[in-house]
Amino acid sequence: MNGPHDLGGKMGFGPVLPEADEPWFHAPWEARALGVVLACGALGRWTLDESRHARECLPPATYYAASYYEIWIRALEVLLTRHGLITPAELATGTALERPADARRLGAERVPAVLARGTPCDRPLSEPPRFATGQRVRAKNAHPRGHTRLPVYLAGKEGVIESDHGGFVLPDANAHGKGEVPERLYTVVFDAAEVWSADSEPGLTISADLWEGYLDRL
């Protein structure tokens, strides 16, 4: 979906201003927010793709007015309620009224190993690739209602396959409980003039990792 998160190429949001020597967290609550989101993710009730989609589905006014970790917490509220881990009443009062029967905890001693393991998403494939390195392709002009990793500013644009990464979990399916449905992932390079026409910076290229189903032959 091309929701409020899909900001690539959009105007009116001001320049990107990197912060010199930026700290990991700008306030103590941000560190706590990260810890809570990771601990809840360890419950195994939702996938990484579903959690990302929950952030994308926040109303634009909420999304744009929120800081980075506030977006995470607001999406976590949606996930916890959706999966029956908290009730609307508990969310409204900020007080736990009952403990879920199958609740489990991520102990502090397990955190380093869980973080180090990450969430590997590469998967084996039996089908041969549809595209070869150096081949020109066009990103589909698609605007699905569900989750997608195809940026809206690349929809319908032509690029060149730079590399083939093999099979990876398809976020479009995994975000909606339809299974991993692994699909081949490519790095595709687009000339900025193709994307932004004469207003682009000369010599600029854009590299995007795109699943096979996002691409059409030329």
Protein backbone atom coordinates (compact mmCIF):
# COMPACT_ATOMS: atom_id res chain seq x y z
CA MET A 1 0.00 0.00 0.00
CA ASN A 2 1.23 3.51 -0.72
CA GLY A 3 0.41 4.83 2.75
CA PRO A 4 1.94 7.67 4.77
CA HIS A 5 5.20 5.74 5.17
CA ASP A 6 5.94 5.71 1.42
CA LEU A 7 7.67 9.10 1.25
CA GLY A 8 10.29 8.49 -1.42
CA GLY A 9 10.32 11.31 -3.95
CA LYS A 10 7.55 13.26 -2.24
CA MET A 11 7.95 16.99 -1.69
CA GLY A 12 7.01 19.35 1.11
CA PHE A 13 8.57 17.48 4.03
CA GLY A 14 11.75 19.56 4.15
CA PRO A 15 15.37 18.45 3.75
CA VAL A 16 16.93 15.42 5.42
CA LEU A 17 19.24 16.78 8.11
CA PRO A 18 21.54 14.07 9.54
CA GLU A 19 22.43 14.63 13.18
CA ALA A 20 26.18 14.63 13.92
CA ASP A 21 27.13 12.03 16.57
CA GLU A 22 23.48 11.08 16.91
CA PRO A 23 22.80 9.11 20.12
CA TRP A 24 21.12 5.71 20.06
CA PHE A 25 18.13 7.21 21.88
CA HIS A 26 17.05 10.80 22.40
CA ALA A 27 15.09 10.06 25.58
CA PRO A 28 14.96 7.17 28.09
CA TRP A 29 11.44 6.19 26.99
CA GLU A 30 12.71 5.42 23.48
CA ALA A 31 15.03 2.70 24.81
CA ARG A 32 12.13 1.26 26.78
CA ALA A 33 9.89 1.39 23.72
CA LEU A 34 12.41 -0.61 21.69
CA GLY A 35 12.70 -3.17 24.50
CA VAL A 36 8.94 -3.58 24.80
CA VAL A 37 8.49 -4.02 21.02
CA LEU A 38 11.26 -6.65 20.86
CA ALA A 39 9.94 -8.50 23.90
CA CYS A 40 6.41 -8.60 22.47
CA GLY A 41 7.72 -9.73 19.09
CA ALA A 42 9.40 -12.66 20.86
CA LEU A 43 5.92 -13.94 21.78
CA GLY A 44 5.73 -15.22 18.21
CA ARG A 45 2.18 -14.01 17.55
CA TRP A 46 3.04 -11.96 14.45
CA THR A 47 5.71 -11.75 11.77
CA LEU A 48 8.14 -8.95 11.07
CA ASP A 49 6.13 -8.11 7.96
CA GLU A 50 2.86 -7.86 9.89
CA SER A 51 4.48 -5.51 12.40
CA ARG A 52 5.79 -3.32 9.59
CA HIS A 53 2.37 -3.26 7.95
CA ALA A 54 0.77 -2.23 11.25
CA ARG A 55 2.95 0.90 11.23
CA GLU A 56 2.06 1.63 7.62
CA CYS A 57 -1.66 1.48 8.43
CA LEU A 58 -1.57 4.24 11.03
CA PRO A 59 -3.66 7.25 9.94
CA PRO A 60 -1.52 9.84 8.10
CA ALA A 61 -2.21 12.56 10.72
CA THR A 62 -1.01 10.17 13.44
CA TYR A 63 1.99 8.91 11.48
CA TYR A 64 3.33 12.32 10.49
CA ALA A 65 2.88 13.81 13.96
CA ALA A 66 4.65 10.92 15.72
CA SER A 67 8.33 10.37 16.36
CA TYR A 68 10.07 7.19 15.21
CA TYR A 69 9.57 5.15 18.38
CA GLU A 70 6.09 6.55 18.95
CA ILE A 71 5.13 5.00 15.61
CA TRP A 72 6.48 1.67 16.88
CA ILE A 73 4.44 1.86 20.09
CA ARG A 74 1.22 2.89 18.35
CA ALA A 75 1.56 -0.05 15.96
CA LEU A 76 2.32 -2.38 18.88
CA GLU A 77 -0.97 -1.36 20.49
CA VAL A 78 -2.73 -2.49 17.30
CA LEU A 79 -0.89 -5.83 17.24
CA LEU A 80 -1.43 -6.61 20.92
CA THR A 81 -5.15 -5.92 20.62
CA ARG A 82 -5.51 -7.78 17.31
CA HIS A 83 -3.92 -10.93 18.73
CA GLY A 84 -5.85 -10.92 21.99
CA LEU A 85 -2.91 -10.12 24.27
CA ILE A 86 -4.60 -7.01 25.65
CA THR A 87 -8.19 -5.80 25.61
CA PRO A 88 -9.43 -2.36 24.55
CA ALA A 89 -10.26 -1.71 28.20
CA GLU A 90 -6.71 -2.52 29.28
CA LEU A 91 -5.33 -0.26 26.58
CA ALA A 92 -7.62 2.58 27.66
CA THR A 93 -6.74 2.28 31.35
CA GLY A 94 -3.09 1.25 31.02
CA THR A 95 -3.73 -1.54 33.51
CA ALA A 96 -3.56 -5.31 32.93
CA LEU A 97 -6.84 -6.92 33.97
CA GLU A 98 -5.87 -10.53 33.26
CA ARG A 99 -2.88 -12.53 32.08
CA PRO A 100 -3.15 -14.41 28.75
CA ALA A 101 -3.17 -18.15 29.36
CA ASP A 102 -0.21 -18.83 27.05
CA ALA A 103 1.86 -15.75 27.93
CA ARG A 104 5.61 -16.27 28.02
CA ARG A 105 8.47 -13.96 28.83
CA LEU A 106 11.71 -13.09 27.09
CA GLY A 107 14.15 -13.21 29.98
CA ALA A 108 16.98 -10.68 30.07
CA GLU A 109 19.53 -13.48 29.81
CA ARG A 110 18.12 -14.51 26.39
CA VAL A 111 18.07 -11.05 24.82
CA PRO A 112 21.66 -11.01 23.39
CA ALA A 113 21.17 -14.36 21.65
CA VAL A 114 17.77 -13.38 20.25
CA LEU A 115 19.11 -10.10 18.87
CA ALA A 116 22.20 -11.79 17.42
CA ARG A 117 20.04 -14.41 15.67
CA GLY A 118 17.85 -11.76 14.05
CA THR A 119 15.14 -12.89 11.64
CA PRO A 120 16.74 -14.64 8.65
CA CYS A 121 14.40 -14.41 5.66
CA ASP A 122 16.36 -16.20 2.91
CA ARG A 123 14.71 -19.40 1.68
CA PRO A 124 15.61 -22.06 -0.95
CA LEU A 125 13.90 -22.02 -4.34
CA SER A 126 13.48 -24.76 -6.92
CA GLU A 127 12.36 -22.52 -9.81
CA PRO A 128 14.98 -20.91 -12.09
CA PRO A 129 15.16 -17.10 -12.24
CA ARG A 130 12.92 -15.27 -14.71
CA PHE A 131 15.47 -12.48 -15.14
CA ALA A 132 19.22 -12.37 -15.73
CA THR A 133 21.87 -9.93 -14.59
CA GLY A 134 22.00 -6.98 -16.98
CA GLN A 135 18.43 -7.50 -18.23
CA ARG A 136 16.13 -4.47 -18.47
CA VAL A 137 12.86 -4.77 -16.61
CA ARG A 138 9.93 -2.59 -15.62
CA ALA A 139 8.56 -2.37 -12.11
CA LYS A 140 4.83 -3.10 -12.24
CA ASN A 141 2.53 -0.11 -12.01
CA ALA A 142 0.76 -1.67 -9.05
CA HIS A 143 -0.89 -0.08 -6.02
CA PRO A 144 -2.10 -3.00 -3.86
CA ARG A 145 -4.30 -2.43 -0.82
CA GLY A 146 -2.15 -4.76 1.27
CA HIS A 147 1.52 -4.72 2.23
CA THR A 148 4.17 -4.35 -0.47
CA ARG A 149 7.85 -3.47 -0.58
CA LEU A 150 7.63 -1.85 -4.01
CA PRO A 151 8.08 1.92 -3.50
CA VAL A 152 5.34 3.89 -5.21
CA TYR A 153 7.88 6.19 -6.91
CA LEU A 154 9.32 3.18 -8.78
CA ALA A 155 5.98 1.83 -10.00
CA GLY A 156 5.99 1.68 -13.79
CA LYS A 157 9.68 2.66 -14.09
CA GLU A 158 12.37 0.84 -16.09
CA GLY A 159 15.61 -0.42 -14.57
CA VAL A 160 18.38 -3.01 -14.96
CA ILE A 161 18.89 -6.20 -12.93
CA GLU A 162 22.17 -5.81 -11.08
CA SER A 163 22.17 -8.96 -8.95
CA ASP A 164 20.14 -12.04 -8.02
CA HIS A 165 19.94 -12.76 -4.27
CA GLY A 166 17.99 -16.03 -4.42
CA GLY A 167 14.78 -16.76 -2.54
CA PHE A 168 13.39 -14.64 0.28
CA VAL A 169 10.12 -14.57 2.21
CA LEU A 170 7.53 -12.56 0.27
CA PRO A 171 6.37 -9.72 2.56
CA ASP A 172 3.14 -9.23 0.61
CA ALA A 173 1.90 -12.64 1.76
CA ASN A 174 3.65 -12.93 5.10
CA ALA A 175 2.20 -9.67 6.43
CA HIS A 176 -1.32 -11.04 6.07
CA GLY A 177 -0.96 -14.55 7.49
CA LYS A 178 -0.76 -16.21 4.06
CA GLY A 179 2.55 -17.94 4.68
CA GLU A 180 6.08 -17.14 3.58
CA VAL A 181 5.58 -17.88 -0.16
CA PRO A 182 9.31 -17.36 -0.90
CA GLU A 183 10.15 -15.58 -4.13
CA ARG A 184 13.37 -14.53 -5.87
CA LEU A 185 14.79 -11.15 -4.88
CA TYR A 186 16.82 -8.92 -7.20
CA THR A 187 18.69 -5.65 -6.89
CA VAL A 188 17.42 -3.39 -9.67
CA VAL A 189 19.17 -0.15 -10.60
CA PHE A 190 17.14 2.77 -11.92
CA ASP A 191 18.49 5.93 -13.54
CA ALA A 192 17.22 8.94 -11.62
CA ALA A 193 16.19 10.59 -14.90
CA GLU A 194 13.81 7.67 -15.48
CA VAL A 195 12.25 8.21 -12.06
CA TRP A 196 12.26 12.00 -11.71
CA SER A 197 12.83 13.12 -15.29
CA ALA A 198 14.74 16.38 -15.90
CA ASP A 199 14.50 17.41 -12.24
CA SER A 200 16.83 14.59 -11.15
CA GLU A 201 20.45 15.00 -10.17
CA PRO A 202 22.74 14.18 -13.14
CA GLY A 203 24.46 10.80 -12.83
CA LEU A 204 22.32 9.68 -9.88
CA THR A 205 21.08 6.09 -9.77
CA ILE A 206 18.67 4.37 -7.38
CA SER A 207 19.14 0.75 -6.28
CA ALA A 208 16.15 -1.18 -4.96
CA ASP A 209 15.76 -4.77 -3.80
CA LEU A 210 12.60 -6.00 -5.53
CA TRP A 211 10.85 -9.36 -5.57
CA GLU A 212 10.37 -11.14 -8.88
CA GLY A 213 6.61 -10.65 -8.88
CA TYR A 214 7.11 -6.89 -8.82
CA LEU A 215 8.82 -6.95 -12.23
CA ASP A 216 7.80 -7.32 -15.88
CA ARG A 217 9.92 -8.10 -18.93
CA LEU A 218 10.52 -5.39 -21.52
